[in-house]
Structures are given as C-alpha cells and as structure tokens.
Amino acid sequence: MPVSTAASAQTVCAPLPVLGRDVTVPLVTGGEVTYAALDYAASAPALQRVWDDVAAYAPYYGSVHRGAGYLSQLSTDLFENARATVAEFLDCRADDQLVFTRSTTDSLNLLARALPAGCQVFVFETEHHASLLPWQDASVSYLDAPRTPAQAVATLERALAERDPHGPALVCVTGASNVTGELWPVRELAAAAHAHGARIVLDAAQLAPHHPVSVRDLDVDWVAFSGHKLYAPFGAGVLAGRADWLRAADPYLAGGGASRKVTRREDGGVDVEWHESAARHEAGSPNVIGAYAVASACKALTEAGFDTLVARERYLIDTVRAGLAEIPQVRVLSLFGDDADRVGVISFVVEGWNSSHFAAALSAEYGIGVRDGLFCAHPLVRTLLGSDPQTQGECGAPEAAPGEKSLNAIRVSFGAGTPDEHVERFVGAVKELVSAGAKWTYRTEDGRCVPAV
C-alpha cells in the first residue's frame, strides 16, 4: 500500500477551522479528552467561516421574493446570489436549473417525481439508500456490484444495450462510496449512458466535500448533494442540471412560490399556472439561511484550494490505512482494491468483535466518534461482508466468531477539518482495543451498545 512520504499533513496545510474543534468529552475511565469527530461521512462539522457568515447575516434575515421591505429585498438577493454561487461551484451549464432542497435524499426524490412517463432507471446495488430507493414508481433495473471501475462501465453498457431504445432512461450513480470511499468512474459512466440515449444523475454527497465537481467536465445531466456533508449546517441540499424534465413535471410541492397565477373557475375549482424556473419546485418559504450556508461553504472550499485539500486528505487516508494494515485482525472493505482512488471514508471489520461494541469503546474510552452498522447502504455492505444479517449480535459478545462472517462494519471518515492527532489517536486506539480489549463493561440498550454505567 502506498504511504505518503510527508512527515505530517501539517506540511501540506493546516486543517480548516470547524465548529467543535475544542469540545471536550468525558471518558468512562476518568478525565476528559478533546473530541475526535471521525464521522464526516454522516455529517461534517460546520466550517467556522460558514458559521461566521451566517451569524453576520442573521440580524438582516427576512422573507424572500415577495416582500417590499429592505430586509426582504436583501434576503432575496442573498438567496439568489447563493444559487449563482453554488452553480459556479458545480460548473453548471448556462441553461441548467439549480433547485435548493433539504438534502441529497430530497433532491433525488424530487428528480424521481420529475421522470417522464415510461422512464427506465438503472442503479447499482452499491448506492446509498438516498439514490437506491427513490425510483420505486419507475421501471428500475438494479445492477450487481462491480469489482473494478471498468466492470462498472461494462455492466452499465450491457444493461443499457438491452433496454427499449425508444423510451427515456436515467442512470443514477454515486461519485464516491459512503462505505468504501472509492471514487467511481463517473465520466466514463456518463459517456456510456449518453451513447445509449440515457441521462445520468450524480449523487455527489460524498464527492463534493472532498473533490471538485464539474457538471460540464463529468458531462452529467444532474448532480445532487447535501449541505450537511459539505461543512454547512441548517438542512439544505441541491439538485442542479437539465431544466426540461423539471419544467415539464408537476411541482414537487404545491403551494405559494411555486405558483405564478391562480384563478377560480366557474365550476368552483382553481386553475394554476406554475413557474418554469427553479421556483416551481421550491414552494413555501425557502431555507434562506441553509442556502446561504451552502454557498458560504462552496466559497470556503474553493478559496482553500481543492489541490491542497486533496493532498492533505491523502496523507490522512494513508495514515489510517497503513495503521490498520498492521493489525491482522482488521479487514478493510473495498470494491475496487487497495490501489483505487478514494476519499476519506474507510469501513472495516475486526475479527471477533461486535462492531457496535467496538465503536462504543472508541467513543467511551478514547473520545473518538465513528459509525457502525450498514451505513444506509445495506446491499453494498452485505455484499462486501458476504452476509445477510437478520439481527445484530448482543453487545459485548463477538459479532462473529473468528473465521465467520461479520454482520456489520465500522466506518471512520474525515475531511478538511480533521487534525493529524485525531487519526493518529484512532489508529492507536484500534491497536490497543484489538490487543488488550476494552477496559469497560458494555450492555445493549435500544439495540445500541453503551457503557454499563
């Protein structure tokens, strides 16, 4: 496994300041320690820059689009400027639409509602549930997990070649796996989709916080991502891309803001003329602060420079992977192998350990926050583990005996705000737990492993 020759990630750049970087948490063994937030793949901590920008705007908060007052006009400008900023961050085409949503899940459900009649959808079983499940009302083909990027392209090409060539089709694919962190061949998959008359939507929830995403360069038709994974709080997401399907679809939500004109009919009903702009799918009072926070995060990452951020993250990835490779009882999960390009998301299992027990011990005894389970990507994790679990093992008992299949996995994830010390503490804690065991007793509570205090 290649390991960075850099002495420290600090030689590349310092971590970006994030909220919570100085928070201390109690240990069951006594004392306190600075919290090591290593669950970025679920929600990344907000950048201090984003929080400061939001705080500066907060006194000027007002309604948008329909207010005559100064604060309303200011908020409207800020909201629409945020839209332009995010579109620039994504390198959108001139005629693309950018809709603010609640999350990646919300964005992909919106697109699913906008599919033209008879649309066929193709999605790999390796997707996060946000991009695996919204297509239930369409004709869906679930593709088996590929074991190489080239196999992913070949699998998609075969499936598309067998489809009805006269109807609309959509391919949904992740940019970076939320389980393995591995980068997918998005550009090649987009080319395959277009060659067979299909469109493609990119789930960039795990890609956008780590690598630049260019709609033009990748040649995708839509891209979706979440603010809470991009160092922005307040529950905002983005769907950006081709306008035609969005304009032709009924509004995602019916209500004020989406409607341009509403009139009563003689029969007592109402006729509605809907907007054709992004407002068509943004009914109600929009999350102005959330949209502004996303735009602020986009600016902060752009100004920090993705080349620098990627170089630093590669050092952290190498540090974790090299440390875990020294522990025979640890198996890192992967689709594409050790040499695959990846972001800072690594899942693994520990022989003889219940994953929930291991994660609980990391938290309670070392102040390290990771995630355990199936990571809302059940088919993928079960494929990687070679298991089909029905229930989770009891806390404190081995999840699987040596040589048996694990039920769940442990995921460590990090990014632009992660200090060296956090990943170094994590590697040291894994080694110590595997060699010496947990120092505390744990029990099961509501299906979770917790310290027996």
Protein backbone atom coordinates (compact mmCIF):
# COMPACT_ATOMS: atom_id res chain seq x y z
CA MET A 1 0.00 0.00 0.00
CA PRO A 2 1.46 3.39 -0.95
CA VAL A 3 2.10 5.60 2.05
CA SER A 4 2.68 9.35 1.87
CA THR A 5 6.27 10.40 2.39
CA ALA A 6 5.13 13.61 4.06
CA ALA A 7 6.11 13.85 7.71
CA SER A 8 2.72 15.26 8.58
CA ALA A 9 -0.44 16.56 7.00
CA GLN A 10 0.58 19.87 8.52
CA THR A 11 3.36 20.02 5.94
CA VAL A 12 0.63 20.20 3.29
CA CYS A 13 -1.75 22.59 5.05
CA ALA A 14 -3.44 23.08 8.37
CA PRO A 15 -6.97 21.72 8.84
CA LEU A 16 -9.71 24.22 8.10
CA PRO A 17 -11.24 25.65 11.31
CA VAL A 18 -14.52 23.91 12.17
CA LEU A 19 -17.02 24.24 14.99
CA GLY A 20 -16.46 21.84 17.86
CA ARG A 21 -12.72 21.54 17.34
CA ASP A 22 -12.08 22.32 21.02
CA VAL A 23 -15.02 20.42 22.53
CA THR A 24 -14.02 18.02 25.27
CA VAL A 25 -15.94 14.87 26.22
CA PRO A 26 -15.78 12.68 29.36
CA LEU A 27 -14.20 9.23 29.30
CA VAL A 28 -15.66 6.33 31.27
CA THR A 29 -12.17 5.62 32.56
CA GLY A 30 -11.95 9.12 34.02
CA GLY A 31 -10.97 12.58 32.80
CA GLU A 32 -11.79 14.34 29.56
CA VAL A 33 -10.31 14.48 26.08
CA THR A 34 -10.80 16.64 23.00
CA TYR A 35 -13.47 15.00 20.89
CA ALA A 36 -12.20 13.37 17.67
CA ALA A 37 -15.05 13.75 15.18
CA LEU A 38 -14.42 10.97 12.66
CA ASP A 39 -17.92 10.57 11.26
CA TYR A 40 -17.71 13.16 8.46
CA ALA A 41 -19.49 10.85 6.02
CA ALA A 42 -22.67 11.20 8.08
CA SER A 43 -22.42 14.94 8.82
CA ALA A 44 -19.29 17.05 8.64
CA PRO A 45 -18.80 19.74 11.28
CA ALA A 46 -19.67 23.22 10.11
CA LEU A 47 -16.77 25.38 8.97
CA GLN A 48 -16.13 28.30 11.29
CA ARG A 49 -16.19 30.51 8.20
CA VAL A 50 -19.71 29.35 7.37
CA TRP A 51 -20.93 29.93 10.91
CA ASP A 52 -19.44 33.42 10.96
CA ASP A 53 -21.06 34.30 7.63
CA VAL A 54 -24.46 33.09 8.82
CA ALA A 55 -24.10 34.97 12.12
CA ALA A 56 -23.26 38.17 10.24
CA TYR A 57 -26.38 37.81 8.10
CA ALA A 58 -28.78 36.72 10.87
CA PRO A 59 -29.79 40.26 12.02
CA TYR A 60 -30.82 41.04 8.44
CA TYR A 61 -32.93 37.90 7.99
CA GLY A 62 -36.22 38.48 6.18
CA SER A 63 -38.78 36.88 3.89
CA VAL A 64 -37.80 36.38 0.26
CA HIS A 65 -39.21 37.08 -3.19
CA ARG A 66 -42.45 38.80 -2.22
CA GLY A 67 -41.52 41.42 0.33
CA ALA A 68 -41.17 45.13 -0.38
CA GLY A 69 -39.09 45.94 2.68
CA TYR A 70 -35.33 46.41 2.66
CA LEU A 71 -34.55 43.24 4.65
CA SER A 72 -36.79 41.21 2.38
CA GLN A 73 -35.02 42.54 -0.69
CA LEU A 74 -31.65 41.93 0.93
CA SER A 75 -32.60 38.34 1.77
CA THR A 76 -33.91 37.77 -1.74
CA ASP A 77 -30.64 38.99 -3.24
CA LEU A 78 -28.68 36.81 -0.84
CA PHE A 79 -30.79 33.74 -1.68
CA GLU A 80 -30.46 34.17 -5.42
CA ASN A 81 -26.75 35.02 -5.16
CA ALA A 82 -26.33 31.80 -3.19
CA ARG A 83 -27.93 29.95 -6.08
CA ALA A 84 -25.45 31.54 -8.51
CA THR A 85 -22.50 30.76 -6.20
CA VAL A 86 -23.39 27.08 -5.92
CA ALA A 87 -23.98 26.84 -9.68
CA GLU A 88 -20.50 28.26 -10.22
CA PHE A 89 -19.05 25.82 -7.67
CA LEU A 90 -20.58 22.96 -9.68
CA ASP A 91 -19.55 24.47 -13.03
CA CYS A 92 -23.12 24.23 -14.28
CA ARG A 93 -24.12 24.90 -17.87
CA ALA A 94 -25.74 28.22 -18.71
CA ASP A 95 -29.23 26.75 -19.12
CA ASP A 96 -29.12 24.43 -16.10
CA GLN A 97 -31.51 24.90 -13.19
CA LEU A 98 -30.40 24.76 -9.57
CA VAL A 99 -33.07 23.90 -7.03
CA PHE A 100 -32.50 24.20 -3.29
CA THR A 101 -33.85 21.18 -1.41
CA ARG A 102 -33.47 19.71 2.07
CA SER A 103 -30.81 17.11 1.28
CA THR A 104 -29.45 14.66 -1.29
CA THR A 105 -32.35 12.35 -0.45
CA ASP A 106 -34.83 15.16 -1.07
CA SER A 107 -33.09 16.10 -4.33
CA LEU A 108 -33.23 12.59 -5.76
CA ASN A 109 -36.83 12.11 -4.69
CA LEU A 110 -37.63 15.37 -6.48
CA LEU A 111 -35.97 14.09 -9.64
CA ALA A 112 -37.80 10.77 -9.30
CA ARG A 113 -41.08 12.71 -9.27
CA ALA A 114 -39.99 14.52 -12.45
CA LEU A 115 -39.24 11.41 -14.54
CA PRO A 116 -41.13 11.33 -17.82
CA ALA A 117 -43.67 8.57 -18.34
CA GLY A 118 -42.14 5.20 -19.15
CA CYS A 119 -38.69 6.16 -17.93
CA GLN A 120 -36.35 3.26 -17.19
CA VAL A 121 -33.94 3.72 -14.29
CA PHE A 122 -30.60 1.93 -13.88
CA VAL A 123 -28.89 1.95 -10.49
CA PHE A 124 -26.12 -0.15 -8.97
CA GLU A 125 -26.86 -2.05 -5.77
CA THR A 126 -23.85 -0.24 -4.30
CA GLU A 127 -25.74 3.04 -3.91
CA HIS A 128 -26.67 4.76 -0.66
CA HIS A 129 -30.37 4.35 0.03
CA ALA A 130 -30.86 8.02 -0.91
CA SER A 131 -30.09 7.11 -4.51
CA LEU A 132 -31.16 3.45 -4.41
CA LEU A 133 -34.76 3.82 -3.24
CA PRO A 134 -36.49 6.90 -4.77
CA TRP A 135 -37.22 5.16 -8.10
CA GLN A 136 -39.81 2.67 -6.85
CA ASP A 137 -42.57 4.10 -9.05
CA ALA A 138 -40.46 3.71 -12.20
CA SER A 139 -39.18 0.66 -14.05
CA VAL A 140 -35.94 0.02 -12.16
CA SER A 141 -33.02 -2.25 -13.01
CA TYR A 142 -30.69 -2.90 -10.08
CA LEU A 143 -27.20 -3.74 -11.26
CA ASP A 144 -24.82 -6.05 -9.38
CA ALA A 145 -21.84 -4.59 -7.54
CA PRO A 146 -18.84 -4.31 -9.87
CA ARG A 147 -15.37 -5.23 -8.70
CA THR A 148 -13.45 -2.76 -10.87
CA PRO A 149 -14.27 0.63 -12.40
CA ALA A 150 -14.02 -0.93 -15.85
CA GLN A 151 -16.51 -3.62 -14.83
CA ALA A 152 -18.91 -0.90 -13.67
CA VAL A 153 -18.85 0.69 -17.12
CA ALA A 154 -19.20 -2.66 -18.88
CA THR A 155 -22.10 -3.70 -16.65
CA LEU A 156 -23.94 -0.47 -17.36
CA GLU A 157 -23.32 -0.70 -21.10
CA ARG A 158 -24.74 -4.23 -21.22
CA ALA A 159 -27.84 -3.21 -19.29
CA LEU A 160 -28.45 -0.15 -21.45
CA ALA A 161 -27.96 -2.10 -24.65
CA GLU A 162 -30.82 -4.39 -23.63
CA ARG A 163 -33.31 -1.62 -22.82
CA ASP A 164 -36.09 -0.29 -25.01
CA PRO A 165 -34.16 2.29 -27.08
CA HIS A 166 -37.24 4.41 -27.80
CA GLY A 167 -38.14 5.46 -24.25
CA PRO A 168 -36.44 7.79 -21.75
CA ALA A 169 -33.86 6.33 -19.38
CA LEU A 170 -31.92 7.53 -16.36
CA VAL A 171 -28.75 6.21 -14.73
CA CYS A 172 -28.10 7.04 -11.07
CA VAL A 173 -24.57 6.65 -9.76
CA THR A 174 -22.51 7.75 -6.79
CA GLY A 175 -19.35 9.80 -7.15
CA ALA A 176 -17.65 8.37 -4.06
CA SER A 177 -18.93 5.47 -1.98
CA ASN A 178 -20.17 6.30 1.50
CA VAL A 179 -18.94 2.85 2.59
CA THR A 180 -15.53 2.38 0.97
CA GLY A 181 -14.72 5.96 -0.06
CA GLU A 182 -13.75 4.69 -3.51
CA LEU A 183 -14.19 7.02 -6.47
CA TRP A 184 -16.44 5.83 -9.27
CA PRO A 185 -15.72 6.33 -13.00
CA VAL A 186 -18.39 8.99 -13.39
CA ARG A 187 -17.15 10.47 -16.66
CA GLU A 188 -16.98 7.04 -18.32
CA LEU A 189 -20.41 6.05 -16.97
CA ALA A 190 -21.86 9.32 -18.28
CA ALA A 191 -20.39 8.62 -21.71
CA ALA A 192 -21.91 5.11 -21.68
CA ALA A 193 -25.30 6.47 -20.65
CA HIS A 194 -25.35 9.13 -23.35
CA ALA A 195 -24.16 6.67 -26.00
CA HIS A 196 -27.30 4.64 -25.34
CA GLY A 197 -29.68 7.60 -25.20
CA ALA A 198 -29.92 7.73 -21.41
CA ARG A 199 -29.37 10.55 -18.95
CA ILE A 200 -27.37 10.34 -15.73
CA VAL A 201 -27.66 11.85 -12.25
CA LEU A 202 -24.65 12.01 -9.96
CA ASP A 203 -25.03 11.52 -6.21
CA ALA A 204 -22.18 13.77 -5.10
CA ALA A 205 -22.97 13.71 -1.38
CA GLN A 206 -19.59 12.12 -0.58
CA LEU A 207 -17.69 13.53 -3.55
CA ALA A 208 -18.37 17.26 -3.37
CA PRO A 209 -16.84 17.77 0.12
CA HIS A 210 -13.56 16.16 -0.99
CA HIS A 211 -13.06 16.80 -4.71
CA PRO A 212 -14.16 19.44 -7.23
CA VAL A 213 -17.33 18.51 -9.09
CA SER A 214 -17.79 19.90 -12.61
CA VAL A 215 -21.11 19.20 -14.29
CA ARG A 216 -19.55 20.16 -17.63
CA ASP A 217 -16.38 18.12 -17.31
CA LEU A 218 -18.11 15.00 -15.98
CA ASP A 219 -20.90 15.56 -18.52
CA VAL A 220 -23.63 14.54 -16.09
CA ASP A 221 -27.20 15.68 -16.56
CA TRP A 222 -27.88 16.34 -12.88
CA VAL A 223 -25.93 16.45 -9.64
CA ALA A 224 -27.27 16.22 -6.10
CA PHE A 225 -25.55 16.83 -2.78
CA SER A 226 -26.23 17.83 0.84
CA GLY A 227 -25.04 20.89 2.72
CA HIS A 228 -24.57 19.00 5.98
CA LYS A 229 -21.82 16.90 4.39
CA LEU A 230 -20.23 19.99 2.83
CA TYR A 231 -19.47 21.69 6.18
CA ALA A 232 -22.74 23.67 6.16
CA PRO A 233 -25.50 23.24 8.77
CA PHE A 234 -29.23 24.02 8.58
CA GLY A 235 -30.56 21.23 6.38
CA ALA A 236 -30.19 22.42 2.81
CA GLY A 237 -29.45 20.38 -0.29
CA VAL A 238 -29.04 20.95 -4.02
CA LEU A 239 -30.32 19.47 -7.27
CA ALA A 240 -28.71 21.05 -10.33
CA GLY A 241 -28.88 20.16 -14.00
CA ARG A 242 -31.08 19.91 -17.07
CA ALA A 243 -34.19 22.07 -16.88
CA ASP A 244 -36.54 20.30 -19.31
CA TRP A 245 -37.69 17.37 -17.15
CA LEU A 246 -38.03 19.69 -14.16
CA ARG A 247 -40.12 22.21 -16.10
CA ALA A 248 -42.39 19.52 -17.50
CA ALA A 249 -43.06 17.88 -14.14
CA ASP A 250 -45.74 18.81 -11.65
CA PRO A 251 -44.32 20.84 -8.76
CA TYR A 252 -42.61 18.73 -6.11
CA LEU A 253 -44.76 20.60 -3.57
CA ALA A 254 -47.88 22.57 -4.41
CA GLY A 255 -48.11 25.96 -2.76
CA GLY A 256 -47.05 29.56 -2.66
CA GLY A 257 -43.88 30.44 -4.51
CA ALA A 258 -44.29 27.59 -7.00
CA SER A 259 -47.41 29.18 -8.50
CA ARG A 260 -47.27 32.13 -10.88
CA LYS A 261 -51.04 32.62 -11.23
CA VAL A 262 -54.09 31.04 -9.56
CA THR A 263 -57.68 31.73 -10.73
CA ARG A 264 -61.09 30.40 -9.82
CA ARG A 265 -63.08 28.53 -12.43
CA GLU A 266 -66.82 28.78 -12.96
CA ASP A 267 -67.23 25.21 -11.72
CA GLY A 268 -65.73 26.26 -8.39
CA GLY A 269 -62.27 24.76 -8.90
CA VAL A 270 -58.98 26.57 -9.49
CA ASP A 271 -56.61 26.83 -12.42
CA VAL A 272 -52.91 27.14 -11.63
CA GLU A 273 -50.09 28.43 -13.79
CA TRP A 274 -46.80 27.17 -12.34
CA HIS A 275 -43.41 28.80 -12.59
CA GLU A 276 -40.95 27.29 -15.06
CA SER A 277 -37.90 28.43 -13.09
CA ALA A 278 -36.41 26.65 -10.08
CA ALA A 279 -39.19 28.22 -8.00
CA ARG A 280 -41.53 25.59 -9.49
CA HIS A 281 -40.05 23.06 -7.04
CA GLU A 282 -39.36 25.43 -4.13
CA ALA A 283 -42.87 26.02 -2.79
CA GLY A 284 -43.21 27.68 0.59
CA SER A 285 -40.75 29.94 2.34
CA PRO A 286 -37.30 28.66 1.37
CA ASN A 287 -34.47 27.87 3.76
CA VAL A 288 -32.57 31.09 3.09
CA ILE A 289 -30.01 30.57 5.83
CA GLY A 290 -29.42 27.00 4.70
CA ALA A 291 -28.87 28.06 1.10
CA TYR A 292 -26.53 30.84 2.21
CA ALA A 293 -24.60 28.38 4.38
CA VAL A 294 -24.11 26.03 1.42
CA ALA A 295 -22.90 28.90 -0.74
CA SER A 296 -20.52 30.04 2.01
CA ALA A 297 -19.08 26.51 2.25
CA CYS A 298 -18.63 26.40 -1.52
CA LYS A 299 -16.69 29.65 -1.39
CA ALA A 300 -14.55 28.50 1.54
CA LEU A 301 -13.55 25.22 -0.14
CA THR A 302 -12.82 26.97 -3.43
CA GLU A 303 -10.64 29.57 -1.72
CA ALA A 304 -8.79 26.91 0.29
CA GLY A 305 -8.00 25.12 -2.97
CA PHE A 306 -9.01 21.54 -3.68
CA ASP A 307 -5.49 20.59 -4.76
CA THR A 308 -4.26 21.43 -1.28
CA LEU A 309 -7.24 19.84 0.47
CA VAL A 310 -6.94 16.63 -1.56
CA ALA A 311 -3.19 16.37 -0.84
CA ARG A 312 -3.80 16.74 2.88
CA GLU A 313 -6.61 14.22 2.88
CA ARG A 314 -4.46 11.69 1.01
CA TYR A 315 -1.95 11.89 3.84
CA LEU A 316 -4.70 11.19 6.38
CA ILE A 317 -6.02 8.29 4.29
CA ASP A 318 -2.53 6.80 4.02
CA THR A 319 -2.03 7.17 7.78
CA VAL A 320 -5.23 5.30 8.63
CA ARG A 321 -4.84 2.60 6.01
CA ALA A 322 -1.20 1.95 6.90
CA GLY A 323 -2.10 1.73 10.59
CA LEU A 324 -4.99 -0.67 10.03
CA ALA A 325 -2.83 -2.80 7.71
CA GLU A 326 -0.55 -3.52 10.68
CA ILE A 327 -3.40 -5.23 12.55
CA PRO A 328 -4.03 -8.80 11.27
CA GLN A 329 -7.49 -8.91 12.86
CA VAL A 330 -8.70 -5.90 10.83
CA ARG A 331 -10.16 -6.26 7.33
CA VAL A 332 -10.79 -3.08 5.34
CA LEU A 333 -13.77 -3.28 2.98
CA SER A 334 -13.22 -2.50 -0.68
CA LEU A 335 -14.85 -3.00 -4.06
CA PHE A 336 -12.02 -1.87 -6.32
CA GLY A 337 -8.92 -2.90 -4.33
CA ASP A 338 -6.11 -1.19 -2.44
CA ASP A 339 -4.94 0.93 -5.36
CA ALA A 340 -8.32 2.58 -6.01
CA ASP A 341 -8.57 6.34 -5.63
CA ARG A 342 -10.71 7.25 -2.66
CA VAL A 343 -11.89 9.97 -0.31
CA GLY A 344 -11.58 9.94 3.47
CA VAL A 345 -14.13 7.19 4.14
CA ILE A 346 -12.90 3.79 5.32
CA SER A 347 -15.01 0.87 6.59
CA PHE A 348 -13.63 -2.23 8.25
CA VAL A 349 -14.41 -5.18 10.48
CA VAL A 350 -12.44 -6.53 13.42
CA GLU A 351 -12.25 -10.28 13.83
CA GLY A 352 -14.07 -11.47 16.95
CA TRP A 353 -15.56 -8.05 17.74
CA ASN A 354 -19.13 -6.86 17.66
CA SER A 355 -18.98 -3.67 15.56
CA SER A 356 -21.30 -1.77 17.89
CA HIS A 357 -19.18 -2.80 20.86
CA PHE A 358 -16.01 -1.66 19.13
CA ALA A 359 -17.48 1.71 18.15
CA ALA A 360 -18.85 2.24 21.66
CA ALA A 361 -15.43 1.53 23.18
CA LEU A 362 -13.77 4.00 20.80
CA SER A 363 -16.20 6.65 21.99
CA ALA A 364 -16.37 5.92 25.70
CA GLU A 365 -12.69 5.12 26.31
CA TYR A 366 -10.93 7.30 23.70
CA GLY A 367 -13.33 10.14 22.84
CA ILE A 368 -13.49 9.08 19.18
CA GLY A 369 -16.73 9.30 17.22
CA VAL A 370 -17.14 6.79 14.37
CA ARG A 371 -20.15 4.95 12.94
CA ASP A 372 -21.08 1.28 12.91
CA GLY A 373 -23.76 -0.64 11.07
CA LEU A 374 -24.74 -0.86 7.40
CA PHE A 375 -24.48 2.89 6.68
CA CYS A 376 -27.80 3.20 4.77
CA ALA A 377 -26.21 1.08 2.04
CA HIS A 378 -27.41 -2.35 3.12
CA PRO A 379 -26.99 -4.27 -0.15
CA LEU A 380 -23.44 -2.98 -0.62
CA VAL A 381 -22.25 -3.70 2.92
CA ARG A 382 -23.80 -7.15 2.89
CA THR A 383 -22.11 -7.86 -0.44
CA LEU A 384 -18.76 -6.75 0.97
CA LEU A 385 -19.25 -8.74 4.17
CA GLY A 386 -20.69 -11.78 2.42
CA SER A 387 -23.54 -11.82 4.95
CA ASP A 388 -27.28 -11.36 5.10
CA PRO A 389 -27.89 -10.40 8.74
CA GLN A 390 -31.30 -10.56 10.31
CA THR A 391 -30.36 -9.26 13.75
CA GLN A 392 -27.42 -7.60 15.44
CA GLY A 393 -25.42 -9.64 17.93
CA GLU A 394 -25.67 -8.83 21.62
CA CYS A 395 -23.36 -6.10 22.87
CA GLY A 396 -20.15 -7.38 24.36
CA ALA A 397 -20.48 -10.74 22.62
CA PRO A 398 -18.48 -11.36 19.48
CA GLU A 399 -20.45 -10.32 16.43
CA ALA A 400 -18.91 -13.22 14.57
CA ALA A 401 -16.53 -15.86 15.79
CA PRO A 402 -13.08 -15.99 14.18
CA GLY A 403 -13.44 -17.23 10.63
CA GLU A 404 -17.17 -16.44 10.49
CA LYS A 405 -18.83 -13.61 8.56
CA SER A 406 -19.39 -10.26 10.22
CA LEU A 407 -22.87 -8.77 10.50
CA ASN A 408 -21.98 -5.09 10.42
CA ALA A 409 -18.98 -2.85 9.89
CA ILE A 410 -17.24 0.15 11.45
CA ARG A 411 -16.70 3.33 9.45
CA VAL A 412 -14.16 6.07 10.06
CA SER A 413 -14.43 9.22 7.96
CA PHE A 414 -12.67 12.56 7.94
CA GLY A 415 -12.02 15.64 5.84
CA ALA A 416 -10.83 19.21 5.62
CA GLY A 417 -11.26 19.93 9.34
CA THR A 418 -9.57 16.80 10.72
CA PRO A 419 -6.33 17.33 12.70
CA ASP A 420 -3.48 14.81 12.47
CA GLU A 421 -3.95 13.92 16.14
CA HIS A 422 -7.48 12.62 15.57
CA VAL A 423 -6.48 9.98 13.02
CA GLU A 424 -3.33 9.11 14.99
CA ARG A 425 -5.41 8.63 18.15
CA PHE A 426 -7.85 6.49 16.19
CA VAL A 427 -5.14 4.17 14.83
CA GLY A 428 -3.60 3.85 18.30
CA ALA A 429 -6.99 3.12 19.87
CA VAL A 430 -7.79 0.37 17.34
CA LYS A 431 -4.45 -1.29 18.01
CA GLU A 432 -4.93 -1.09 21.77
CA LEU A 433 -8.50 -2.42 21.72
CA VAL A 434 -7.54 -5.34 19.49
CA SER A 435 -4.50 -6.26 21.58
CA ALA A 436 -5.78 -5.56 25.11
CA GLY A 437 -9.56 -5.48 24.84
CA ALA A 438 -11.99 -2.94 26.25
CA LYS A 439 -11.35 -1.52 29.71
CA TRP A 440 -15.05 -1.14 30.48
CA THR A 441 -18.17 -3.28 30.53
CA TYR A 442 -20.88 -2.61 27.94
CA ARG A 443 -24.54 -3.55 27.58
CA THR A 444 -27.27 -3.39 24.92
CA GLU A 445 -29.78 -0.58 25.16
CA ASP A 446 -32.38 0.02 22.41
CA GLY A 447 -30.29 -2.04 20.04
CA ARG A 448 -27.15 0.01 20.69
CA CYS A 449 -24.05 -0.89 22.68
CA VAL A 450 -23.47 1.55 25.56
CA PRO A 451 -21.20 1.66 28.62
CA ALA A 452 -22.69 -0.12 31.60
CA VAL A 453 -22.54 2.90 33.91
